[in-house]
Amino acid sequence: MSKVRFGIVGIGNQGTYYANVLKENKIENGVLSALCDNNSSKLENAKNKFAEVENITYFNNYIEMLESGLCDAILVET
């Protein structure tokens, strides 16, 4: 089975929780591929927190993330 690439819109408490779940491989065949938040400080914090996770792309605009083709599924946590 191929991997499901997840993107998360909103990196507050809930979004960060789900990002950690994906980071820790708790979802079978799920990988974290993109994070999005329009709050620049939350986005910078996420970049530091998830720096060791390979192949994450960061966005400050959810439409750009949706159009990027990097995600198979999106979690909206706003």
N, C-alpha and C. Protein backbone atom coordinates (compact mmCIF):
# COMPACT_ATOMS: atom_id res chain seq x y z
N MET A 1 0.84 -1.18 0.00
CA MET A 1 0.00 0.00 0.00
C MET A 1 0.89 1.24 0.00
N SER A 2 0.52 2.23 -0.81
CA SER A 2 1.32 3.45 -0.87
C SER A 2 1.02 4.35 0.31
N LYS A 3 1.90 5.28 0.54
CA LYS A 3 1.76 6.22 1.65
C LYS A 3 0.69 7.26 1.33
N VAL A 4 -0.02 7.69 2.37
CA VAL A 4 -0.98 8.78 2.25
C VAL A 4 -0.29 10.03 2.78
N ARG A 5 -0.17 11.03 1.92
CA ARG A 5 0.52 12.27 2.28
C ARG A 5 -0.49 13.25 2.88
N PHE A 6 -0.29 13.58 4.16
CA PHE A 6 -1.19 14.47 4.88
C PHE A 6 -0.65 15.89 4.92
N GLY A 7 -1.56 16.84 4.76
CA GLY A 7 -1.27 18.25 4.99
C GLY A 7 -2.17 18.73 6.10
N ILE A 8 -1.69 19.68 6.88
CA ILE A 8 -2.47 20.22 7.99
C ILE A 8 -2.56 21.73 7.83
N VAL A 9 -3.78 22.23 7.87
CA VAL A 9 -4.04 23.67 7.84
C VAL A 9 -4.37 24.08 9.27
N GLY A 10 -3.56 24.94 9.85
CA GLY A 10 -3.75 25.40 11.22
C GLY A 10 -2.83 24.65 12.17
N ILE A 11 -1.83 25.35 12.69
CA ILE A 11 -0.83 24.70 13.54
C ILE A 11 -0.95 25.21 14.97
N GLY A 12 -2.18 25.18 15.47
CA GLY A 12 -2.41 25.49 16.89
C GLY A 12 -2.29 24.20 17.68
N ASN A 13 -3.05 24.10 18.76
CA ASN A 13 -2.98 22.91 19.61
C ASN A 13 -3.38 21.64 18.86
N GLN A 14 -4.53 21.66 18.21
CA GLN A 14 -5.02 20.46 17.53
C GLN A 14 -4.15 20.09 16.32
N GLY A 15 -3.80 21.08 15.52
CA GLY A 15 -2.95 20.82 14.35
C GLY A 15 -1.60 20.27 14.74
N THR A 16 -1.02 20.81 15.79
CA THR A 16 0.27 20.33 16.27
C THR A 16 0.15 18.90 16.80
N TYR A 17 -0.96 18.61 17.47
CA TYR A 17 -1.19 17.25 17.96
C TYR A 17 -1.18 16.25 16.80
N TYR A 18 -1.95 16.55 15.75
CA TYR A 18 -2.01 15.63 14.61
C TYR A 18 -0.67 15.55 13.88
N ALA A 19 0.04 16.66 13.81
CA ALA A 19 1.37 16.64 13.19
C ALA A 19 2.30 15.71 13.96
N ASN A 20 2.21 15.75 15.29
CA ASN A 20 3.03 14.85 16.11
C ASN A 20 2.63 13.39 15.92
N VAL A 21 1.33 13.13 15.80
CA VAL A 21 0.86 11.77 15.55
C VAL A 21 1.47 11.24 14.25
N LEU A 22 1.46 12.06 13.21
CA LEU A 22 2.04 11.65 11.93
C LEU A 22 3.56 11.53 12.02
N LYS A 23 4.18 12.45 12.73
CA LYS A 23 5.63 12.43 12.91
C LYS A 23 6.08 11.14 13.58
N GLU A 24 5.28 10.66 14.52
CA GLU A 24 5.62 9.46 15.29
C GLU A 24 5.12 8.18 14.62
N ASN A 25 4.67 8.29 13.37
CA ASN A 25 4.23 7.13 12.58
C ASN A 25 3.11 6.34 13.25
N LYS A 26 2.19 7.05 13.90
CA LYS A 26 1.07 6.39 14.56
C LYS A 26 -0.11 6.13 13.63
N ILE A 27 -0.03 6.63 12.41
CA ILE A 27 -1.05 6.34 11.40
C ILE A 27 -0.38 5.49 10.34
N GLU A 28 -0.84 4.26 10.22
CA GLU A 28 -0.24 3.34 9.27
C GLU A 28 -0.29 3.91 7.86
N ASN A 29 0.85 3.93 7.20
CA ASN A 29 1.01 4.44 5.84
C ASN A 29 0.74 5.94 5.71
N GLY A 30 0.74 6.66 6.82
CA GLY A 30 0.54 8.11 6.77
C GLY A 30 1.84 8.85 6.96
N VAL A 31 2.06 9.88 6.15
CA VAL A 31 3.24 10.73 6.29
C VAL A 31 2.82 12.19 6.28
N LEU A 32 3.54 12.98 7.03
CA LEU A 32 3.30 14.41 7.08
C LEU A 32 4.04 15.07 5.93
N SER A 33 3.32 15.70 5.02
CA SER A 33 3.98 16.28 3.85
C SER A 33 3.89 17.80 3.80
N ALA A 34 2.91 18.41 4.49
CA ALA A 34 2.79 19.86 4.41
C ALA A 34 2.10 20.41 5.66
N LEU A 35 2.55 21.59 6.06
CA LEU A 35 1.93 22.32 7.16
C LEU A 35 1.64 23.73 6.68
N CYS A 36 0.50 24.27 7.13
CA CYS A 36 0.09 25.60 6.69
C CYS A 36 -0.50 26.38 7.86
N ASP A 37 -0.08 27.63 7.98
CA ASP A 37 -0.69 28.55 8.92
C ASP A 37 -0.40 29.97 8.43
N ASN A 38 -1.39 30.86 8.55
CA ASN A 38 -1.16 32.23 8.12
C ASN A 38 -0.52 33.08 9.21
N ASN A 39 -0.31 32.51 10.39
CA ASN A 39 0.39 33.18 11.48
C ASN A 39 1.87 32.83 11.35
N SER A 40 2.69 33.82 11.02
CA SER A 40 4.11 33.57 10.74
C SER A 40 4.87 33.03 11.94
N SER A 41 4.51 33.42 13.15
CA SER A 41 5.23 32.90 14.33
C SER A 41 4.90 31.43 14.56
N LYS A 42 3.66 31.02 14.33
CA LYS A 42 3.31 29.60 14.45
C LYS A 42 4.01 28.79 13.38
N LEU A 43 4.12 29.33 12.19
CA LEU A 43 4.80 28.64 11.11
C LEU A 43 6.29 28.46 11.42
N GLU A 44 6.92 29.48 11.95
CA GLU A 44 8.34 29.38 12.33
C GLU A 44 8.54 28.38 13.44
N ASN A 45 7.64 28.38 14.44
CA ASN A 45 7.73 27.39 15.52
C ASN A 45 7.61 25.98 14.98
N ALA A 46 6.70 25.78 14.02
CA ALA A 46 6.51 24.46 13.42
C ALA A 46 7.77 24.04 12.65
N LYS A 47 8.39 24.97 11.94
CA LYS A 47 9.62 24.66 11.21
C LYS A 47 10.69 24.16 12.16
N ASN A 48 10.79 24.77 13.34
CA ASN A 48 11.78 24.32 14.32
C ASN A 48 11.39 22.98 14.93
N LYS A 49 10.12 22.82 15.27
CA LYS A 49 9.65 21.61 15.94
C LYS A 49 9.75 20.38 15.03
N PHE A 50 9.49 20.55 13.74
CA PHE A 50 9.45 19.42 12.82
C PHE A 50 10.64 19.40 11.86
N ALA A 51 11.72 20.06 12.25
CA ALA A 51 12.91 20.16 11.39
C ALA A 51 13.49 18.80 11.03
N GLU A 52 13.39 17.82 11.93
CA GLU A 52 13.98 16.51 11.66
C GLU A 52 13.12 15.64 10.75
N VAL A 53 11.88 16.05 10.50
CA VAL A 53 11.00 15.29 9.61
C VAL A 53 11.33 15.68 8.17
N GLU A 54 11.64 14.68 7.37
CA GLU A 54 12.03 14.95 5.98
C GLU A 54 10.82 15.27 5.11
N ASN A 55 11.06 16.10 4.12
CA ASN A 55 10.11 16.37 3.05
C ASN A 55 8.81 17.05 3.47
N ILE A 56 8.87 17.91 4.49
CA ILE A 56 7.70 18.73 4.83
C ILE A 56 7.86 20.06 4.11
N THR A 57 6.79 20.49 3.47
CA THR A 57 6.76 21.81 2.85
C THR A 57 5.84 22.69 3.69
N TYR A 58 6.25 23.93 3.89
CA TYR A 58 5.50 24.86 4.74
C TYR A 58 4.85 25.94 3.87
N PHE A 59 3.62 26.26 4.22
CA PHE A 59 2.85 27.25 3.46
C PHE A 59 2.21 28.24 4.42
N ASN A 60 2.06 29.48 3.95
CA ASN A 60 1.29 30.47 4.71
C ASN A 60 -0.05 30.75 4.03
N ASN A 61 -0.34 30.00 2.95
CA ASN A 61 -1.59 30.16 2.21
C ASN A 61 -2.13 28.77 1.88
N TYR A 62 -3.32 28.48 2.40
CA TYR A 62 -3.86 27.13 2.22
C TYR A 62 -4.18 26.80 0.77
N ILE A 63 -4.53 27.80 -0.03
CA ILE A 63 -4.83 27.54 -1.44
C ILE A 63 -3.57 27.06 -2.16
N GLU A 64 -2.44 27.69 -1.87
CA GLU A 64 -1.17 27.25 -2.47
C GLU A 64 -0.86 25.81 -2.07
N MET A 65 -1.15 25.45 -0.80
CA MET A 65 -0.91 24.09 -0.35
C MET A 65 -1.82 23.12 -1.10
N LEU A 66 -3.09 23.46 -1.25
CA LEU A 66 -4.03 22.59 -1.96
C LEU A 66 -3.63 22.40 -3.41
N GLU A 67 -3.17 23.46 -4.05
CA GLU A 67 -2.79 23.40 -5.46
C GLU A 67 -1.42 22.79 -5.70
N SER A 68 -0.64 22.59 -4.65
CA SER A 68 0.73 22.09 -4.81
C SER A 68 0.79 20.63 -5.26
N GLY A 69 -0.24 19.87 -4.98
CA GLY A 69 -0.22 18.45 -5.32
C GLY A 69 0.60 17.60 -4.35
N LEU A 70 1.00 18.19 -3.22
CA LEU A 70 1.84 17.48 -2.25
C LEU A 70 1.04 16.66 -1.25
N CYS A 71 -0.29 16.81 -1.25
CA CYS A 71 -1.11 16.17 -0.22
C CYS A 71 -2.20 15.31 -0.86
N ASP A 72 -2.42 14.16 -0.24
CA ASP A 72 -3.54 13.30 -0.61
C ASP A 72 -4.74 13.55 0.28
N ALA A 73 -4.49 14.02 1.50
CA ALA A 73 -5.54 14.30 2.47
C ALA A 73 -5.15 15.55 3.25
N ILE A 74 -6.16 16.34 3.61
CA ILE A 74 -5.93 17.59 4.35
C ILE A 74 -6.72 17.55 5.64
N LEU A 75 -6.06 17.90 6.73
CA LEU A 75 -6.73 18.08 8.02
C LEU A 75 -6.87 19.59 8.24
N VAL A 76 -8.08 20.06 8.43
CA VAL A 76 -8.31 21.49 8.66
C VAL A 76 -8.55 21.67 10.15
N GLU A 77 -7.62 22.32 10.80
CA GLU A 77 -7.65 22.49 12.26
C GLU A 77 -7.64 23.97 12.62
N THR A 78 -8.63 24.68 12.10
CA THR A 78 -8.72 26.13 12.35
C THR A 78 -9.90 26.47 13.21
